[in-house]
Each structure stands twice: as structure tokens, then as C-alpha cells.
N, C-alpha and C. Protein backbone atom coordinates (compact mmCIF):
# COMPACT_ATOMS: atom_id res chain seq x y z
N ILE A 1 250.99 153.17 -32.88
CA ILE A 1 250.73 153.75 -34.19
C ILE A 1 249.23 154.03 -34.27
N SER A 2 248.91 155.21 -34.77
CA SER A 2 247.50 155.55 -35.00
C SER A 2 247.35 156.13 -36.39
N LEU A 3 246.15 156.01 -36.93
CA LEU A 3 245.83 156.51 -38.26
C LEU A 3 244.73 157.55 -38.15
N HIS A 4 244.89 158.62 -38.91
CA HIS A 4 243.92 159.71 -38.87
C HIS A 4 243.65 160.19 -40.28
N SER A 5 242.38 160.49 -40.58
CA SER A 5 242.07 161.11 -41.86
C SER A 5 242.82 162.42 -41.95
N ILE A 6 243.13 162.83 -43.17
CA ILE A 6 243.96 164.02 -43.33
C ILE A 6 243.43 164.89 -44.45
N THR A 7 243.55 166.20 -44.27
CA THR A 7 243.21 167.16 -45.30
C THR A 7 244.45 167.47 -46.13
N ASP A 8 244.24 168.00 -47.31
CA ASP A 8 245.38 168.31 -48.18
C ASP A 8 246.33 169.32 -47.53
N ASP A 9 245.79 170.30 -46.82
CA ASP A 9 246.65 171.31 -46.18
C ASP A 9 247.55 170.68 -45.13
N SER A 10 247.02 169.75 -44.36
CA SER A 10 247.82 169.07 -43.34
C SER A 10 248.76 168.05 -43.96
N LEU A 11 248.37 167.52 -45.11
CA LEU A 11 249.16 166.49 -45.77
C LEU A 11 250.48 167.02 -46.32
N ALA A 12 250.48 168.22 -46.89
CA ALA A 12 251.66 168.73 -47.59
C ALA A 12 252.95 168.65 -46.76
N PRO A 13 252.98 169.18 -45.54
CA PRO A 13 254.25 169.11 -44.80
C PRO A 13 254.65 167.69 -44.41
N ILE A 14 253.67 166.84 -44.15
CA ILE A 14 253.98 165.45 -43.80
C ILE A 14 254.56 164.73 -45.02
N LEU A 15 253.90 164.92 -46.16
CA LEU A 15 254.37 164.31 -47.40
C LEU A 15 255.81 164.74 -47.69
N GLU A 16 256.08 166.02 -47.58
CA GLU A 16 257.43 166.53 -47.83
C GLU A 16 258.45 165.91 -46.86
N SER A 17 258.06 165.72 -45.60
CA SER A 17 259.00 165.16 -44.62
C SER A 17 259.32 163.70 -44.92
N THR A 18 258.40 162.99 -45.60
CA THR A 18 258.66 161.59 -45.92
C THR A 18 259.61 161.43 -47.11
N TYR A 19 259.85 162.50 -47.85
CA TYR A 19 260.76 162.43 -49.00
C TYR A 19 262.23 162.42 -48.58
N ALA A 20 262.52 162.78 -47.35
CA ALA A 20 263.92 162.85 -46.89
C ALA A 20 264.58 161.48 -46.96
N ASP A 21 265.72 161.41 -47.59
CA ASP A 21 266.54 160.19 -47.65
C ASP A 21 265.79 158.97 -48.17
N THR A 22 264.87 159.17 -49.09
CA THR A 22 264.10 158.05 -49.61
C THR A 22 264.65 157.60 -50.96
N PHE A 23 264.35 156.35 -51.31
CA PHE A 23 264.70 155.82 -52.62
C PHE A 23 263.54 155.96 -53.60
N ASP A 24 262.47 156.66 -53.20
CA ASP A 24 261.27 156.80 -54.01
C ASP A 24 261.49 157.87 -55.08
N CYS A 25 261.92 157.46 -56.24
CA CYS A 25 262.10 158.34 -57.40
C CYS A 25 262.86 159.63 -57.06
N PRO A 26 264.08 159.52 -56.55
CA PRO A 26 264.80 160.72 -56.12
C PRO A 26 265.03 161.74 -57.21
N LYS A 27 265.13 161.32 -58.46
CA LYS A 27 265.39 162.26 -59.55
C LYS A 27 264.15 163.08 -59.92
N LEU A 28 262.99 162.69 -59.40
CA LEU A 28 261.77 163.44 -59.69
C LEU A 28 261.48 164.51 -58.64
N ARG A 29 262.19 164.46 -57.52
CA ARG A 29 261.94 165.42 -56.45
C ARG A 29 262.19 166.84 -56.92
N GLY A 30 261.25 167.71 -56.58
CA GLY A 30 261.39 169.12 -56.89
C GLY A 30 260.86 169.50 -58.26
N ILE A 31 260.43 168.54 -59.06
CA ILE A 31 259.92 168.88 -60.39
C ILE A 31 258.50 169.44 -60.29
N ARG A 32 257.70 168.92 -59.36
CA ARG A 32 256.34 169.43 -59.18
C ARG A 32 256.17 169.96 -57.77
N ARG A 33 255.29 170.95 -57.64
CA ARG A 33 254.96 171.47 -56.31
C ARG A 33 254.19 170.39 -55.55
N THR A 34 254.34 170.37 -54.24
CA THR A 34 253.67 169.37 -53.42
C THR A 34 252.16 169.40 -53.64
N GLU A 35 251.59 170.58 -53.77
CA GLU A 35 250.15 170.70 -53.99
C GLU A 35 249.74 170.00 -55.28
N ASP A 36 250.59 170.08 -56.31
CA ASP A 36 250.29 169.41 -57.57
C ASP A 36 250.41 167.89 -57.44
N VAL A 37 251.38 167.44 -56.65
CA VAL A 37 251.53 166.00 -56.40
C VAL A 37 250.27 165.48 -55.71
N ILE A 38 249.79 166.20 -54.71
CA ILE A 38 248.59 165.79 -53.98
C ILE A 38 247.39 165.75 -54.92
N ALA A 39 247.23 166.78 -55.75
CA ALA A 39 246.12 166.81 -56.70
C ALA A 39 246.21 165.63 -57.66
N GLY A 40 247.41 165.29 -58.09
CA GLY A 40 247.58 164.14 -58.96
C GLY A 40 247.18 162.84 -58.29
N HIS A 41 247.55 162.69 -57.03
CA HIS A 41 247.15 161.49 -56.29
C HIS A 41 245.64 161.44 -56.14
N ARG A 42 245.01 162.57 -55.86
CA ARG A 42 243.55 162.61 -55.70
C ARG A 42 242.83 162.26 -56.99
N ALA A 43 243.44 162.56 -58.11
CA ALA A 43 242.80 162.31 -59.41
C ALA A 43 242.78 160.84 -59.79
N GLY A 44 243.42 159.99 -59.00
CA GLY A 44 243.53 158.57 -59.34
C GLY A 44 242.27 157.76 -59.14
N GLY A 45 241.27 158.30 -58.49
CA GLY A 45 240.03 157.55 -58.24
C GLY A 45 239.30 158.16 -57.06
N ALA A 46 238.35 157.43 -56.53
CA ALA A 46 237.57 157.92 -55.39
C ALA A 46 238.45 157.94 -54.15
N VAL A 47 238.40 159.06 -53.44
CA VAL A 47 239.15 159.21 -52.19
C VAL A 47 238.19 158.98 -51.03
N HIS A 48 238.52 158.00 -50.21
CA HIS A 48 237.71 157.68 -49.03
C HIS A 48 238.48 158.13 -47.79
N GLU A 49 237.77 158.70 -46.85
CA GLU A 49 238.38 159.25 -45.63
C GLU A 49 239.27 158.24 -44.91
N ASP A 50 238.88 156.97 -44.93
CA ASP A 50 239.67 155.96 -44.22
C ASP A 50 240.81 155.38 -45.05
N LEU A 51 241.06 155.96 -46.23
CA LEU A 51 242.16 155.53 -47.08
C LEU A 51 243.10 156.68 -47.45
N TRP A 52 242.86 157.84 -46.90
CA TRP A 52 243.69 159.03 -47.14
C TRP A 52 244.16 159.43 -45.74
N LEU A 53 245.33 158.92 -45.34
CA LEU A 53 245.66 158.86 -43.93
C LEU A 53 246.99 159.49 -43.53
N MET A 54 246.98 160.08 -42.35
CA MET A 54 248.20 160.46 -41.67
C MET A 54 248.53 159.32 -40.72
N ILE A 55 249.80 158.95 -40.68
CA ILE A 55 250.28 157.93 -39.76
C ILE A 55 250.96 158.67 -38.61
N ALA A 56 250.57 158.35 -37.38
CA ALA A 56 251.13 159.05 -36.22
C ALA A 56 251.65 158.05 -35.20
N GLN A 57 252.61 158.52 -34.45
CA GLN A 57 253.14 157.74 -33.32
C GLN A 57 253.23 158.70 -32.15
N GLU A 58 252.57 158.35 -31.07
CA GLU A 58 252.47 159.24 -29.91
C GLU A 58 252.00 160.63 -30.33
N GLU A 59 250.98 160.64 -31.19
CA GLU A 59 250.32 161.87 -31.67
C GLU A 59 251.19 162.73 -32.59
N GLN A 60 252.38 162.27 -32.93
CA GLN A 60 253.26 163.02 -33.84
C GLN A 60 253.20 162.39 -35.23
N PRO A 61 252.99 163.20 -36.28
CA PRO A 61 252.96 162.65 -37.64
C PRO A 61 254.30 162.03 -38.01
N ILE A 62 254.22 160.81 -38.53
CA ILE A 62 255.45 160.13 -38.98
C ILE A 62 255.33 159.66 -40.43
N GLY A 63 254.18 159.88 -41.05
CA GLY A 63 254.04 159.47 -42.43
C GLY A 63 252.62 159.60 -42.93
N CYS A 64 252.41 159.07 -44.13
CA CYS A 64 251.08 159.11 -44.72
C CYS A 64 250.90 157.94 -45.67
N ALA A 65 249.65 157.60 -45.91
CA ALA A 65 249.27 156.57 -46.87
C ALA A 65 248.09 157.12 -47.66
N LEU A 66 248.19 157.07 -48.98
CA LEU A 66 247.17 157.65 -49.84
C LEU A 66 246.70 156.59 -50.83
N VAL A 67 245.44 156.21 -50.71
CA VAL A 67 244.87 155.17 -51.56
C VAL A 67 243.58 155.69 -52.16
N THR A 68 243.41 155.47 -53.46
CA THR A 68 242.15 155.76 -54.12
C THR A 68 241.56 154.44 -54.61
N VAL A 69 240.26 154.45 -54.89
CA VAL A 69 239.59 153.26 -55.39
C VAL A 69 238.85 153.60 -56.67
N SER A 70 239.07 152.78 -57.68
CA SER A 70 238.37 152.90 -58.96
C SER A 70 237.74 151.55 -59.26
N GLY A 71 236.42 151.48 -59.12
CA GLY A 71 235.74 150.21 -59.34
C GLY A 71 236.21 149.17 -58.35
N THR A 72 236.79 148.10 -58.86
CA THR A 72 237.25 147.02 -57.98
C THR A 72 238.77 147.05 -57.78
N CYS A 73 239.39 148.18 -58.12
CA CYS A 73 240.85 148.28 -57.98
C CYS A 73 241.22 149.43 -57.06
N ALA A 74 242.05 149.13 -56.09
CA ALA A 74 242.61 150.17 -55.22
C ALA A 74 243.97 150.57 -55.78
N ASP A 75 244.24 151.86 -55.81
CA ASP A 75 245.53 152.37 -56.25
C ASP A 75 246.27 152.93 -55.05
N LEU A 76 247.38 152.32 -54.72
CA LEU A 76 248.23 152.86 -53.66
C LEU A 76 249.03 153.99 -54.30
N ALA A 77 248.55 155.21 -54.10
CA ALA A 77 249.19 156.36 -54.71
C ALA A 77 250.51 156.67 -54.01
N TYR A 78 250.52 156.52 -52.69
CA TYR A 78 251.75 156.83 -51.95
C TYR A 78 251.67 156.26 -50.54
N ILE A 79 252.78 155.76 -50.08
CA ILE A 79 252.95 155.42 -48.67
C ILE A 79 254.38 155.83 -48.33
N GLY A 80 254.52 156.61 -47.28
CA GLY A 80 255.84 157.08 -46.91
C GLY A 80 255.95 157.36 -45.43
N LEU A 81 257.14 157.16 -44.91
CA LEU A 81 257.43 157.42 -43.50
C LEU A 81 258.65 158.33 -43.40
N ILE A 82 258.71 159.09 -42.31
CA ILE A 82 259.90 159.89 -42.06
C ILE A 82 261.06 158.93 -41.78
N PRO A 83 262.30 159.37 -42.00
CA PRO A 83 263.44 158.46 -41.83
C PRO A 83 263.49 157.74 -40.49
N GLU A 84 263.15 158.42 -39.40
CA GLU A 84 263.23 157.82 -38.06
C GLU A 84 262.22 156.69 -37.86
N ALA A 85 261.19 156.63 -38.68
CA ALA A 85 260.15 155.61 -38.52
C ALA A 85 260.33 154.41 -39.45
N ARG A 86 261.32 154.46 -40.29
CA ARG A 86 261.53 153.38 -41.26
C ARG A 86 262.21 152.18 -40.62
N ASN A 87 262.06 151.03 -41.27
CA ASN A 87 262.69 149.77 -40.84
C ASN A 87 262.21 149.31 -39.47
N LYS A 88 260.95 149.58 -39.17
CA LYS A 88 260.38 149.16 -37.88
C LYS A 88 259.07 148.39 -38.08
N LYS A 89 258.85 147.91 -39.30
CA LYS A 89 257.66 147.12 -39.65
C LYS A 89 256.37 147.96 -39.66
N ILE A 90 256.47 149.28 -39.54
CA ILE A 90 255.29 150.14 -39.57
C ILE A 90 254.64 150.08 -40.95
N GLY A 91 255.45 150.07 -41.99
CA GLY A 91 254.91 149.98 -43.35
C GLY A 91 254.05 148.75 -43.56
N GLU A 92 254.49 147.62 -43.02
CA GLU A 92 253.71 146.39 -43.12
C GLU A 92 252.36 146.53 -42.43
N ILE A 93 252.37 147.08 -41.24
CA ILE A 93 251.12 147.27 -40.49
C ILE A 93 250.16 148.14 -41.28
N ILE A 94 250.68 149.24 -41.81
CA ILE A 94 249.83 150.18 -42.55
C ILE A 94 249.33 149.55 -43.84
N LEU A 95 250.21 148.88 -44.57
CA LEU A 95 249.79 148.28 -45.84
C LEU A 95 248.73 147.22 -45.63
N LYS A 96 248.88 146.39 -44.62
CA LYS A 96 247.85 145.38 -44.32
C LYS A 96 246.52 146.06 -43.97
N HIS A 97 246.59 147.14 -43.21
CA HIS A 97 245.37 147.88 -42.85
C HIS A 97 244.69 148.45 -44.09
N ILE A 98 245.46 149.10 -44.96
CA ILE A 98 244.81 149.74 -46.11
C ILE A 98 244.31 148.71 -47.12
N LYS A 99 244.95 147.54 -47.19
CA LYS A 99 244.41 146.48 -48.04
C LYS A 99 243.04 146.05 -47.53
N THR A 100 242.90 145.90 -46.23
CA THR A 100 241.62 145.51 -45.64
C THR A 100 240.57 146.59 -45.87
N ARG A 101 240.95 147.85 -45.65
CA ARG A 101 240.00 148.96 -45.84
C ARG A 101 239.60 149.09 -47.31
N ALA A 102 240.56 148.93 -48.23
CA ALA A 102 240.24 149.02 -49.66
C ALA A 102 239.26 147.92 -50.05
N HIS A 103 239.45 146.73 -49.50
CA HIS A 103 238.53 145.62 -49.78
C HIS A 103 237.12 145.98 -49.31
N ALA A 104 237.02 146.65 -48.17
CA ALA A 104 235.71 147.07 -47.66
C ALA A 104 235.03 148.07 -48.60
N HIS A 105 235.82 148.75 -49.42
CA HIS A 105 235.27 149.69 -50.40
C HIS A 105 235.07 149.05 -51.77
N GLY A 106 235.14 147.73 -51.83
CA GLY A 106 234.85 147.01 -53.06
C GLY A 106 236.04 146.64 -53.91
N ALA A 107 237.24 146.94 -53.46
CA ALA A 107 238.44 146.59 -54.24
C ALA A 107 238.81 145.14 -54.01
N ASP A 108 239.10 144.44 -55.10
CA ASP A 108 239.56 143.06 -54.97
C ASP A 108 241.03 142.92 -55.39
N ARG A 109 241.65 144.02 -55.76
CA ARG A 109 243.07 144.02 -56.09
C ARG A 109 243.64 145.41 -55.83
N MET A 110 244.95 145.46 -55.69
CA MET A 110 245.63 146.73 -55.46
C MET A 110 246.76 146.86 -56.45
N ARG A 111 246.94 148.06 -56.98
CA ARG A 111 248.07 148.30 -57.87
C ARG A 111 248.83 149.52 -57.40
N LEU A 112 250.07 149.58 -57.83
CA LEU A 112 250.92 150.69 -57.46
C LEU A 112 252.08 150.74 -58.42
N ALA A 113 252.79 151.84 -58.39
CA ALA A 113 254.03 151.97 -59.15
C ALA A 113 255.14 152.20 -58.14
N VAL A 114 256.29 151.60 -58.41
CA VAL A 114 257.42 151.74 -57.50
C VAL A 114 258.70 151.82 -58.33
N ASP A 115 259.60 152.67 -57.90
CA ASP A 115 260.90 152.80 -58.55
C ASP A 115 261.63 151.46 -58.42
N ALA A 116 262.14 150.93 -59.52
CA ALA A 116 262.83 149.63 -59.52
C ALA A 116 264.06 149.63 -58.61
N LYS A 117 264.59 150.80 -58.28
CA LYS A 117 265.77 150.88 -57.41
C LYS A 117 265.39 151.07 -55.94
N ASN A 118 264.09 151.09 -55.64
CA ASN A 118 263.63 151.30 -54.28
C ASN A 118 263.50 149.96 -53.56
N GLY A 119 264.64 149.40 -53.18
CA GLY A 119 264.68 148.10 -52.53
C GLY A 119 263.82 147.98 -51.29
N PRO A 120 263.86 148.96 -50.37
CA PRO A 120 263.01 148.84 -49.18
C PRO A 120 261.52 148.72 -49.52
N ALA A 121 261.04 149.50 -50.46
CA ALA A 121 259.63 149.43 -50.84
C ALA A 121 259.32 148.10 -51.52
N LEU A 122 260.18 147.66 -52.41
CA LEU A 122 259.97 146.38 -53.09
C LEU A 122 259.87 145.23 -52.09
N ARG A 123 260.76 145.25 -51.10
CA ARG A 123 260.72 144.20 -50.07
C ARG A 123 259.44 144.28 -49.24
N LEU A 124 259.00 145.48 -48.90
CA LEU A 124 257.75 145.66 -48.16
C LEU A 124 256.58 145.08 -48.96
N TYR A 125 256.48 145.44 -50.22
CA TYR A 125 255.36 144.97 -51.02
C TYR A 125 255.38 143.45 -51.18
N GLN A 126 256.57 142.89 -51.32
CA GLN A 126 256.68 141.44 -51.43
C GLN A 126 256.24 140.76 -50.13
N ARG A 127 256.68 141.29 -48.98
CA ARG A 127 256.28 140.72 -47.68
C ARG A 127 254.77 140.78 -47.49
N CYS A 128 254.13 141.76 -48.10
CA CYS A 128 252.68 141.95 -47.94
C CYS A 128 251.87 141.29 -49.05
N GLY A 129 252.53 140.48 -49.87
CA GLY A 129 251.80 139.68 -50.86
C GLY A 129 251.58 140.33 -52.21
N LEU A 130 252.17 141.48 -52.48
CA LEU A 130 252.04 142.08 -53.79
C LEU A 130 253.14 141.52 -54.69
N THR A 131 252.80 141.27 -55.94
CA THR A 131 253.78 140.71 -56.86
C THR A 131 253.90 141.58 -58.10
N PRO A 132 255.12 141.73 -58.61
CA PRO A 132 255.31 142.54 -59.83
C PRO A 132 254.61 141.88 -61.02
N ARG A 133 253.99 142.71 -61.84
CA ARG A 133 253.30 142.20 -63.03
C ARG A 133 253.84 142.82 -64.31
N ILE A 134 254.04 144.12 -64.29
CA ILE A 134 254.44 144.83 -65.50
C ILE A 134 255.55 145.80 -65.14
N ARG A 135 256.51 145.95 -66.04
CA ARG A 135 257.59 146.91 -65.84
C ARG A 135 257.41 148.01 -66.89
N HIS A 136 257.41 149.26 -66.43
CA HIS A 136 257.27 150.42 -67.31
C HIS A 136 258.49 151.30 -67.19
N LEU A 137 258.74 152.07 -68.21
CA LEU A 137 259.77 153.08 -68.17
C LEU A 137 259.08 154.43 -68.14
N ALA A 138 259.33 155.20 -67.09
CA ALA A 138 258.74 156.54 -66.99
C ALA A 138 259.74 157.55 -67.54
N VAL A 139 259.25 158.46 -68.35
CA VAL A 139 260.09 159.49 -68.94
C VAL A 139 259.48 160.84 -68.58
N ILE A 140 260.31 161.74 -68.11
CA ILE A 140 259.84 163.06 -67.72
C ILE A 140 260.89 164.09 -68.08
N CYS A 141 260.44 165.26 -68.48
CA CYS A 141 261.38 166.35 -68.75
C CYS A 141 260.72 167.66 -68.37
N ALA A 142 261.54 168.63 -68.09
CA ALA A 142 261.04 169.96 -67.80
C ALA A 142 260.92 170.71 -69.11
N VAL A 143 259.80 171.37 -69.33
CA VAL A 143 259.64 172.17 -70.54
C VAL A 143 260.26 173.53 -70.32
N GLY A 144 260.70 174.15 -71.39
CA GLY A 144 261.33 175.46 -71.27
C GLY A 144 262.78 175.38 -70.87
N VAL A 145 263.38 174.20 -70.97
CA VAL A 145 264.78 174.03 -70.61
C VAL A 145 265.51 173.50 -71.85
N THR A 146 266.64 174.09 -72.18
CA THR A 146 267.40 173.64 -73.34
C THR A 146 268.11 172.34 -73.02
N GLN A 147 268.68 171.71 -74.02
CA GLN A 147 269.37 170.45 -73.83
C GLN A 147 270.56 170.56 -72.91
N VAL A 148 271.17 171.74 -72.80
CA VAL A 148 272.33 171.90 -71.94
C VAL A 148 271.89 172.29 -70.54
N GLY A 149 270.57 172.32 -70.28
CA GLY A 149 270.10 172.56 -68.93
C GLY A 149 269.87 174.00 -68.57
N LYS A 150 270.01 174.92 -69.52
CA LYS A 150 269.78 176.34 -69.22
C LYS A 150 268.34 176.69 -69.54
N GLN A 151 267.75 177.51 -68.71
CA GLN A 151 266.38 177.92 -68.91
C GLN A 151 266.31 178.93 -70.05
N ASN A 152 265.28 178.80 -70.90
CA ASN A 152 265.11 179.74 -72.00
C ASN A 152 264.83 181.13 -71.45
N ALA A 153 265.36 182.14 -72.11
CA ALA A 153 265.20 183.51 -71.66
C ALA A 153 263.78 184.00 -71.87
N SER A 154 263.11 183.53 -72.93
CA SER A 154 261.74 183.97 -73.16
C SER A 154 260.94 182.81 -73.69
N VAL A 155 259.65 182.88 -73.45
CA VAL A 155 258.74 181.83 -73.91
C VAL A 155 257.62 182.49 -74.66
N SER A 156 257.34 182.04 -75.86
CA SER A 156 256.23 182.58 -76.66
C SER A 156 255.04 181.67 -76.52
N THR A 157 253.86 182.28 -76.43
CA THR A 157 252.63 181.47 -76.38
C THR A 157 251.72 181.85 -77.50
């Protein structure tokens, strides 16, 4: 396993490939463009080259880890692997690495959000020493869509 800094252009296809067969908020998939998702992750705090990473195996991209730092808190914006790389303890290796790197950037704690139904991620975070603190309900809707799910024919501004 190797880690490499990544640009947003290179990140988009890798990020999309990690969404396949995942339990990570499946009902939210397709609501935002990948470029907007990346911009949202970048807006979470300072982006450091050694915390915005492509994960590779034998030089082939197999995932990514995106961490920002705000003051003394690291935000794990996203960590994902392609289906073939899952369940091989790679997530643990990467998470331990990024916790160490975040600490080097002044973070003394890490926070993240995870879908309550994402058992594999919850187990990974527990194995790596993260503990649940707060439970939130996320609500999202598409604008310009009627209650029956049909798109409005016209929009006035």
C-alpha cells in the first residue's frame, strides 16, 4: 500500500469508484456532482498535502482519504476504498496513518460523520479508537421537485 498526494482532478474518478457497493449514505448518491462534493470536503478546514491522499496498491488507485484540520481538530471528510480492496485491514492502516499525520499538524482529536447503517465503517472506527459522541439526523431534499417526485416545468427567480 502506498499513499500519494492528490489533486482534485485526479481525485474525482477515484472518489466515484469508491462509492460502488458502499454503505456510505447510499440515498445521497447522485444528488451532488463529484466536483461539488470535493469542494465541500475542501471547505472543512486547512488541506495539507499529506492528508489529502490517494491510496494505491501496486501503483493502481484503490481509494482515497481526505482530512482537513481546523485548529486542534482534524476532520475526516472521507475515507473510501474500491470494493476489491475492502475487508483487508487497509482502512485500519490508513486511518492510523492519518491520525498520526493530523497530530503532526496540531490536531489532538478527530471527528467525522458516518451513516448509522454503515456497519463496516463503524467497526473500523471502533477498532481504531474512535468513539461515538453525538447522533444527528441529516435531512436533505432536492429543490425544484414536487412532493410526488416530478420536476417543476418552470422555475421563477
